[in-house]
Amino acid sequence: MTNPFMKKQKHLIDIQTHVQRLLDELAQDDIGAGFQAAAYWRGELVVNAYSGSADALGQSPVDSETLFVMQSCSKGVISTAIHILVEQGKLAYDERISHYWPEFGANGKEQITLRQVLTHTAGVPLMPAYADMRLIADWPAMVHEMEKLKPIWEPATKAGYHGLTLGWILGETAARADGRTISQIVHDEICKPIGIDKELYLGATAEAESRIAEISGEAVPIASMPDDMLFKRVLPPALVPVANPEWNSPWLHAAAVPAVNAVATAQALARMYASLIGEGVDGRRLLKPSSIAEATLQHFNGIDEVALAPVRLGLCYTLGQDGDVMGGSRAAFGYAGLGGMIGYADPANSLAVAVLCNRMKIGRGDRSPDRLVTDLIREKLCHTET
């Protein structure tokens, strides 16, 4: 008689094998590219695969401890930190940002609430035209820049991607309310409790620097966009990866640019999301079920004013929709990152997935690493005997 437990274990081993084979194929097709993928299912790590190179010349192989600059996957980490502070009573979603940070209230921003920032409806997505990489690595300077912002639409009337500004606004608000920097909050409230304090950083340590994969690839074609496009003013060409070698500089990795420069392993990012659903990981949840239910309640479903694309938004988590890279599950929540990266949880399927890479390539479509890995994992898991 077939042992059901042994059959299940063999199936999970097969999933790991299939994902590893996929990453090997992707790496073989793109010399100098590196990949990691991880998945937790029912609180158990079932995939932890990696392949390719941590440098553009293909000389340093990716391993399980390689750290990737997560781009906008970082937003999922920051939002989790904010929800933890709300659960602790240090922040409130409907409180004004200016309550915690009075200087932010200048130039018509006094009534903007934390909820509006979390839902990209605050109307302050624009970066200063003169912003460069050195400026965004200077926390006090960027706090002052956020204070100078003026809403470009009436808050709460539209949603538009606050691609970079969101990070400093949330980070400084958290610091004012809590007393710790946002980097320390992430370390203390997310990384340490679930054992990823050597695998996820907002502000990389000197020890971590040697493990960070080099970004390379194709320039993101923002420079060719019309100057009056909101997207170009939200993510200026001077700040986009690949065209800017500063993205591979230790001083940038050590800084906190909360919306885009957290570094992590895929296993750490997947573990964070796994700790938000079901029984968590090793019996530990970062947020109560009621807290994550509120954080993932739909607040917007429509066309983003900046990205000009359909989006469903919770409180700073992107919510699943048909045909997306989270498998099309309406229960899924997380954040994708430039280059084909993703971190998300799908409580309906007891699943958490992360895919990270260091190669920026445009127009991958259905060959994007995050979509390929997610589709493969879901295809294999749906046949698992329970």
Protein backbone atom coordinates (compact mmCIF):
# COMPACT_ATOMS: atom_id res chain seq x y z
CA MET A 1 0.00 0.00 0.00
CA THR A 2 1.31 3.45 -0.91
CA ASN A 3 2.21 5.58 2.10
CA PRO A 4 0.33 8.93 1.66
CA PHE A 5 3.00 10.78 3.65
CA MET A 6 5.81 9.44 1.51
CA LYS A 7 3.84 10.25 -1.64
CA LYS A 8 3.38 13.84 -0.47
CA GLN A 9 7.06 14.20 0.40
CA LYS A 10 8.11 12.89 -3.00
CA HIS A 11 5.78 15.37 -4.68
CA LEU A 12 7.29 18.27 -2.74
CA ILE A 13 10.78 17.12 -3.69
CA ASP A 14 9.62 17.06 -7.30
CA ILE A 15 8.46 20.71 -7.00
CA GLN A 16 11.90 21.74 -5.78
CA THR A 17 13.49 19.83 -8.67
CA HIS A 18 11.23 21.45 -11.26
CA VAL A 19 11.85 24.97 -9.96
CA GLN A 20 15.59 24.36 -9.81
CA ARG A 21 15.55 23.15 -13.40
CA LEU A 22 13.62 26.26 -14.47
CA LEU A 23 16.11 28.62 -12.80
CA ASP A 24 19.01 26.74 -14.37
CA GLU A 25 17.41 27.19 -17.79
CA LEU A 26 16.85 30.90 -17.22
CA ALA A 27 20.46 31.35 -16.09
CA GLN A 28 21.80 29.41 -19.06
CA ASP A 29 19.84 31.62 -21.45
CA ASP A 30 21.17 34.83 -19.89
CA ILE A 31 24.82 34.69 -18.83
CA GLY A 32 25.44 37.04 -15.92
CA ALA A 33 21.89 36.79 -14.59
CA GLY A 34 21.18 35.35 -11.16
CA PHE A 35 17.97 34.01 -9.67
CA GLN A 36 16.51 32.80 -6.39
CA ALA A 37 13.05 31.36 -5.75
CA ALA A 38 11.45 30.21 -2.53
CA ALA A 39 8.00 29.03 -1.50
CA TYR A 40 6.29 28.15 1.77
CA TRP A 41 3.22 25.96 1.68
CA ARG A 42 1.16 25.46 4.85
CA GLY A 43 4.01 27.04 6.80
CA GLU A 44 6.64 24.66 5.43
CA LEU A 45 9.51 25.62 3.14
CA VAL A 46 8.94 23.54 0.00
CA VAL A 47 11.11 25.42 -2.53
CA ASN A 48 14.49 27.07 -2.01
CA ALA A 49 16.28 27.20 -5.37
CA TYR A 50 18.96 29.40 -6.89
CA SER A 51 21.04 29.60 -10.03
CA GLY A 52 23.15 31.88 -12.19
CA SER A 53 25.60 34.63 -11.40
CA ALA A 54 25.75 37.41 -8.83
CA ASP A 55 27.81 39.58 -11.22
CA ALA A 56 27.40 40.69 -14.81
CA LEU A 57 30.48 38.76 -16.00
CA GLY A 58 29.20 35.42 -14.74
CA GLN A 59 32.13 34.88 -12.36
CA SER A 60 30.39 34.78 -8.95
CA PRO A 61 27.73 32.09 -8.61
CA VAL A 62 24.51 32.83 -6.74
CA ASP A 63 24.05 30.73 -3.63
CA SER A 64 21.41 30.49 -0.90
CA GLU A 65 22.91 33.46 0.98
CA THR A 66 23.13 35.87 -1.97
CA LEU A 67 21.19 39.07 -1.32
CA PHE A 68 19.25 40.85 -4.06
CA VAL A 69 18.23 44.50 -4.21
CA MET A 70 14.49 43.97 -4.24
CA GLN A 71 13.32 47.16 -5.98
CA SER A 72 9.59 47.62 -5.23
CA CYS A 73 9.30 44.28 -3.46
CA SER A 74 10.72 46.45 -0.65
CA LYS A 75 7.30 48.10 -0.33
CA GLY A 76 5.80 44.87 0.97
CA VAL A 77 8.36 44.87 3.78
CA ILE A 78 7.74 48.51 4.70
CA SER A 79 3.97 48.07 4.66
CA THR A 80 4.27 45.06 6.97
CA ALA A 81 6.29 47.19 9.42
CA ILE A 82 3.61 49.89 9.34
CA HIS A 83 0.83 47.37 10.02
CA ILE A 84 2.79 46.03 12.99
CA LEU A 85 3.00 49.54 14.47
CA VAL A 86 -0.74 49.99 13.91
CA GLU A 87 -1.41 46.72 15.72
CA GLN A 88 0.80 47.95 18.57
CA GLY A 89 -1.24 51.16 18.81
CA LYS A 90 1.61 53.46 17.78
CA LEU A 91 0.00 54.44 14.47
CA ALA A 92 -3.61 54.71 13.25
CA TYR A 93 -4.68 54.39 9.63
CA ASP A 94 -7.05 57.36 9.73
CA GLU A 95 -4.76 59.68 11.65
CA ARG A 96 -3.17 62.57 9.77
CA ILE A 97 0.53 62.22 8.92
CA SER A 98 0.98 65.74 10.29
CA HIS A 99 -0.17 64.52 13.71
CA TYR A 100 3.05 62.51 13.97
CA TRP A 101 5.18 64.76 11.78
CA PRO A 102 3.94 68.37 11.91
CA GLU A 103 6.31 69.69 9.24
CA PHE A 104 4.76 67.34 6.69
CA GLY A 105 1.51 69.32 6.83
CA ALA A 106 2.95 72.22 4.80
CA ASN A 107 1.75 73.11 1.29
CA GLY A 108 -1.75 71.68 1.57
CA LYS A 109 -0.82 68.29 3.08
CA GLU A 110 -2.14 68.79 6.62
CA GLN A 111 -5.17 66.52 6.14
CA ILE A 112 -3.40 63.65 4.36
CA THR A 113 -3.85 60.46 6.38
CA LEU A 114 -1.77 57.35 6.79
CA ARG A 115 -4.47 55.38 4.98
CA GLN A 116 -4.21 57.67 1.96
CA VAL A 117 -0.45 57.22 1.75
CA LEU A 118 -0.78 53.45 2.07
CA THR A 119 -3.33 53.36 -0.76
CA HIS A 120 -1.34 55.63 -3.12
CA THR A 121 -4.19 58.17 -3.00
CA ALA A 122 -2.38 60.97 -1.13
CA GLY A 123 -1.61 62.90 -4.33
CA VAL A 124 2.10 63.42 -3.62
CA PRO A 125 3.92 60.99 -5.95
CA LEU A 126 6.27 63.45 -7.68
CA MET A 127 10.01 63.44 -7.09
CA PRO A 128 11.96 66.70 -7.30
CA ALA A 129 13.34 67.26 -10.81
CA TYR A 130 16.87 67.64 -9.46
CA ALA A 131 16.89 64.37 -7.50
CA ASP A 132 19.93 62.14 -7.97
CA MET A 133 21.23 58.99 -6.31
CA ARG A 134 23.20 60.86 -3.65
CA LEU A 135 20.13 62.85 -2.67
CA ILE A 136 17.87 59.83 -2.24
CA ALA A 137 20.49 58.22 0.02
CA ASP A 138 20.42 61.27 2.32
CA TRP A 139 17.59 60.67 4.80
CA PRO A 140 17.37 64.16 6.37
CA ALA A 141 17.45 65.78 2.94
CA MET A 142 14.67 63.53 1.61
CA VAL A 143 12.55 64.16 4.70
CA HIS A 144 12.80 67.87 3.90
CA GLU A 145 11.87 67.18 0.28
CA MET A 146 8.74 65.32 1.43
CA GLU A 147 7.78 68.32 3.55
CA LYS A 148 8.01 70.56 0.47
CA LEU A 149 5.69 68.42 -1.67
CA LYS A 150 2.33 69.75 -2.86
CA PRO A 151 -0.58 67.44 -3.76
CA ILE A 152 -1.21 67.23 -7.50
CA TRP A 153 -4.74 65.94 -6.95
CA GLU A 154 -7.15 66.17 -4.05
CA PRO A 155 -6.18 63.38 -1.63
CA ALA A 156 -8.44 60.31 -1.68
CA THR A 157 -9.97 61.18 -5.08
CA LYS A 158 -7.52 59.20 -7.24
CA ALA A 159 -4.93 56.45 -6.89
CA GLY A 160 -1.54 56.88 -8.52
CA TYR A 161 1.70 55.02 -7.88
CA HIS A 162 3.81 56.80 -5.24
CA GLY A 163 6.83 54.87 -6.47
CA LEU A 164 9.51 56.50 -4.32
CA THR A 165 7.90 59.16 -2.11
CA LEU A 166 5.80 56.57 -0.29
CA GLY A 167 8.93 55.10 1.32
CA TRP A 168 10.18 58.27 3.00
CA ILE A 169 6.69 59.35 4.05
CA LEU A 170 5.94 56.01 5.70
CA GLY A 171 9.46 55.67 7.08
CA GLU A 172 9.61 59.08 8.72
CA THR A 173 6.06 58.77 10.05
CA ALA A 174 6.97 55.43 11.64
CA ALA A 175 10.13 56.91 13.15
CA ARG A 176 8.28 59.90 14.60
CA ALA A 177 5.63 57.66 16.17
CA ASP A 178 7.95 54.93 17.42
CA GLY A 179 11.33 56.54 18.14
CA ARG A 180 13.33 54.01 16.12
CA THR A 181 14.42 54.43 12.52
CA ILE A 182 12.42 52.51 9.94
CA SER A 183 15.49 50.32 9.35
CA GLN A 184 15.60 49.40 13.04
CA ILE A 185 11.86 48.75 13.11
CA VAL A 186 12.17 46.34 10.18
CA HIS A 187 15.06 44.56 11.92
CA ASP A 188 13.39 44.37 15.35
CA GLU A 189 9.78 43.69 14.38
CA ILE A 190 10.14 41.58 11.23
CA CYS A 191 13.61 40.10 10.84
CA LYS A 192 14.48 39.03 14.39
CA PRO A 193 11.14 37.42 15.33
CA ILE A 194 11.18 35.05 12.35
CA GLY A 195 14.93 34.46 12.12
CA ILE A 196 15.81 36.37 8.96
CA ASP A 197 18.01 39.06 10.52
CA LYS A 198 20.98 37.91 8.39
CA GLU A 199 18.87 37.62 5.24
CA LEU A 200 16.85 40.83 4.98
CA TYR A 201 18.06 44.38 5.49
CA LEU A 202 16.82 47.91 4.95
CA GLY A 203 20.25 49.47 5.07
CA ALA A 204 22.79 46.71 4.47
CA THR A 205 25.56 46.12 6.99
CA ALA A 206 29.23 45.89 6.02
CA GLU A 207 29.03 42.10 6.44
CA ALA A 208 26.06 41.89 4.12
CA GLU A 209 27.63 44.02 1.38
CA SER A 210 29.83 41.24 0.02
CA ARG A 211 26.74 39.09 -0.57
CA ILE A 212 24.71 41.61 -2.63
CA ALA A 213 24.22 40.66 -6.27
CA GLU A 214 25.23 43.20 -8.90
CA ILE A 215 22.43 44.76 -10.94
CA SER A 216 22.90 44.67 -14.70
CA GLY A 217 20.85 44.39 -17.87
CA GLU A 218 18.94 46.76 -20.12
CA ALA A 219 18.16 50.39 -19.43
CA VAL A 220 14.54 51.00 -18.51
CA PRO A 221 13.13 53.19 -21.33
CA ILE A 222 11.83 56.00 -19.12
CA ALA A 223 14.11 58.64 -20.62
CA SER A 224 12.30 58.39 -23.97
CA MET A 225 8.90 59.12 -22.41
CA PRO A 226 7.37 62.60 -22.86
CA ASP A 227 8.51 64.96 -20.13
CA ASP A 228 4.94 65.67 -19.03
CA MET A 229 4.13 62.01 -18.32
CA LEU A 230 3.44 61.49 -14.63
CA PHE A 231 5.36 58.22 -14.64
CA LYS A 232 8.54 59.98 -15.73
CA ARG A 233 8.16 62.53 -12.92
CA VAL A 234 7.44 59.83 -10.35
CA LEU A 235 10.39 57.63 -11.39
CA PRO A 236 12.89 60.04 -13.01
CA PRO A 237 15.48 58.52 -15.41
CA ALA A 238 18.30 59.68 -13.12
CA LEU A 239 17.08 57.26 -10.44
CA VAL A 240 16.32 54.14 -12.48
CA PRO A 241 18.61 51.06 -12.20
CA VAL A 242 21.12 49.93 -14.85
CA ALA A 243 21.70 53.38 -16.32
CA ASN A 244 22.96 54.40 -12.90
CA PRO A 245 25.99 52.42 -11.62
CA GLU A 246 25.36 53.89 -8.15
CA TRP A 247 22.77 51.15 -7.66
CA ASN A 248 25.72 48.81 -7.10
CA SER A 249 27.48 51.15 -4.65
CA PRO A 250 27.97 50.14 -1.00
CA TRP A 251 26.92 53.61 0.16
CA LEU A 252 23.52 53.19 -1.52
CA HIS A 253 23.04 49.68 -0.12
CA ALA A 254 23.84 51.00 3.37
CA ALA A 255 21.29 53.79 3.06
CA ALA A 256 17.56 53.42 3.61
CA VAL A 257 15.51 54.12 0.48
CA PRO A 258 12.48 52.28 1.85
CA ALA A 259 10.39 51.98 -1.30
CA VAL A 260 13.08 50.29 -3.39
CA ASN A 261 16.42 49.31 -1.84
CA ALA A 262 15.82 46.64 0.80
CA VAL A 263 18.06 43.62 0.16
CA ALA A 264 17.11 40.03 0.92
CA THR A 265 17.22 36.41 -0.06
CA ALA A 266 14.12 34.94 -1.67
CA GLN A 267 13.81 32.54 1.24
CA ALA A 268 13.65 35.47 3.69
CA LEU A 269 11.05 37.36 1.68
CA ALA A 270 8.87 34.26 1.27
CA ARG A 271 9.23 33.54 5.00
CA MET A 272 8.02 37.04 5.86
CA TYR A 273 4.88 36.54 3.76
CA ALA A 274 4.36 33.03 5.15
CA SER A 275 4.41 34.53 8.64
CA LEU A 276 1.38 36.66 7.75
CA ILE A 277 -1.04 33.84 6.90
CA GLY A 278 -2.40 30.59 8.35
CA GLU A 279 -0.47 29.37 11.37
CA GLY A 280 2.55 31.40 10.33
CA VAL A 281 6.03 29.89 10.38
CA ASP A 282 7.18 27.70 13.25
CA GLY A 283 4.03 28.77 15.08
CA ARG A 284 4.88 32.48 14.79
CA ARG A 285 2.78 35.13 13.04
CA LEU A 286 3.92 38.71 12.59
CA LEU A 287 0.36 40.05 12.49
CA LYS A 288 -2.93 38.85 13.93
CA PRO A 289 -5.45 37.49 11.41
CA SER A 290 -7.70 40.51 12.04
CA SER A 291 -4.84 42.90 11.30
CA ILE A 292 -3.89 41.25 8.01
CA ALA A 293 -7.58 41.10 7.04
CA GLU A 294 -7.83 44.87 7.44
CA ALA A 295 -4.53 45.46 5.64
CA THR A 296 -5.68 43.41 2.64
CA LEU A 297 -9.20 44.80 2.36
CA GLN A 298 -9.71 46.26 -1.11
CA HIS A 299 -9.45 50.06 -1.09
CA PHE A 300 -9.09 50.70 -4.80
CA ASN A 301 -9.86 48.81 -7.98
CA GLY A 302 -9.29 50.69 -11.20
CA ILE A 303 -6.75 52.44 -13.40
CA ASP A 304 -3.66 53.82 -11.69
CA GLU A 305 -3.13 57.49 -12.63
CA VAL A 306 0.65 57.08 -12.86
CA ALA A 307 1.17 53.57 -14.22
CA LEU A 308 -1.94 53.81 -16.45
CA ALA A 309 -2.70 50.16 -15.70
CA PRO A 310 -5.43 48.33 -13.76
CA VAL A 311 -4.63 47.71 -10.12
CA ARG A 312 -6.31 46.44 -6.96
CA LEU A 313 -4.92 47.94 -3.78
CA GLY A 314 -5.13 47.14 -0.12
CA LEU A 315 -3.18 49.11 2.48
CA CYS A 316 0.14 49.22 0.61
CA TYR A 317 -0.17 45.67 -0.64
CA THR A 318 -1.11 45.01 -4.25
CA LEU A 319 -4.05 42.60 -4.31
CA GLY A 320 -4.44 39.68 -6.70
CA GLN A 321 -6.40 40.05 -9.92
CA ASP A 322 -7.08 37.90 -12.96
CA GLY A 323 -4.00 37.07 -15.00
CA ASP A 324 -1.46 38.64 -12.65
CA VAL A 325 1.91 37.28 -11.52
CA MET A 326 0.43 36.17 -8.19
CA GLY A 327 -1.47 33.42 -9.96
CA GLY A 328 -4.73 35.27 -10.38
CA SER A 329 -5.88 34.52 -6.83
CA ARG A 330 -8.12 37.32 -5.55
CA ALA A 331 -6.98 36.51 -2.01
CA ALA A 332 -3.28 37.08 -2.80
CA PHE A 333 -1.40 40.15 -1.62
CA GLY A 334 2.18 41.32 -2.03
CA TYR A 335 4.40 43.50 -4.18
CA ALA A 336 6.25 43.05 -7.46
CA GLY A 337 9.62 44.58 -8.29
CA LEU A 338 11.33 45.80 -11.44
CA GLY A 339 13.12 43.08 -13.41
CA GLY A 340 10.70 40.22 -12.80
CA MET A 341 10.65 39.98 -9.00
CA ILE A 342 7.76 39.25 -6.65
CA GLY A 343 6.98 38.54 -3.04
CA TYR A 344 3.45 37.57 -2.02
CA ALA A 345 1.16 35.48 0.13
CA ASP A 346 -1.96 33.65 -0.99
CA PRO A 347 -3.93 32.70 2.13
CA ALA A 348 -6.59 30.90 0.08
CA ASN A 349 -3.94 28.37 -0.95
CA SER A 350 -1.72 28.56 2.18
CA LEU A 351 1.10 29.68 -0.10
CA ALA A 352 3.87 32.30 0.06
CA VAL A 353 6.28 32.81 -2.85
CA ALA A 354 9.29 35.00 -3.59
CA VAL A 355 11.32 35.32 -6.78
CA LEU A 356 14.36 37.62 -6.95
CA CYS A 357 16.84 38.40 -9.70
CA ASN A 358 19.57 40.89 -10.59
CA ARG A 359 19.07 41.30 -14.34
CA MET A 360 16.84 44.09 -15.60
CA LYS A 361 15.20 43.07 -18.89
CA ILE A 362 12.26 44.75 -20.58
CA GLY A 363 9.46 43.00 -22.43
CA ARG A 364 9.83 39.50 -21.00
CA GLY A 365 6.05 39.11 -20.84
CA ASP A 366 5.09 35.53 -20.01
CA ARG A 367 8.82 34.67 -19.78
CA SER A 368 9.29 36.91 -16.76
CA PRO A 369 10.96 34.95 -13.91
CA ASP A 370 8.27 35.79 -11.35
CA ARG A 371 5.46 34.60 -13.61
CA LEU A 372 7.26 31.42 -14.70
CA VAL A 373 8.10 30.38 -11.15
CA THR A 374 4.69 31.25 -9.73
CA ASP A 375 2.86 29.39 -12.50
CA LEU A 376 5.09 26.35 -12.07
CA ILE A 377 4.70 26.19 -8.29
CA ARG A 378 0.94 26.56 -8.44
CA GLU A 379 0.67 23.97 -11.21
CA LYS A 380 2.63 21.41 -9.19
CA LEU A 381 1.08 22.12 -5.80
CA CYS A 382 -2.49 21.85 -7.04
CA HIS A 383 -1.87 18.15 -7.66
CA THR A 384 -0.47 17.47 -4.19
CA GLU A 385 -2.31 14.81 -2.22
CA THR A 386 -3.51 16.12 1.15
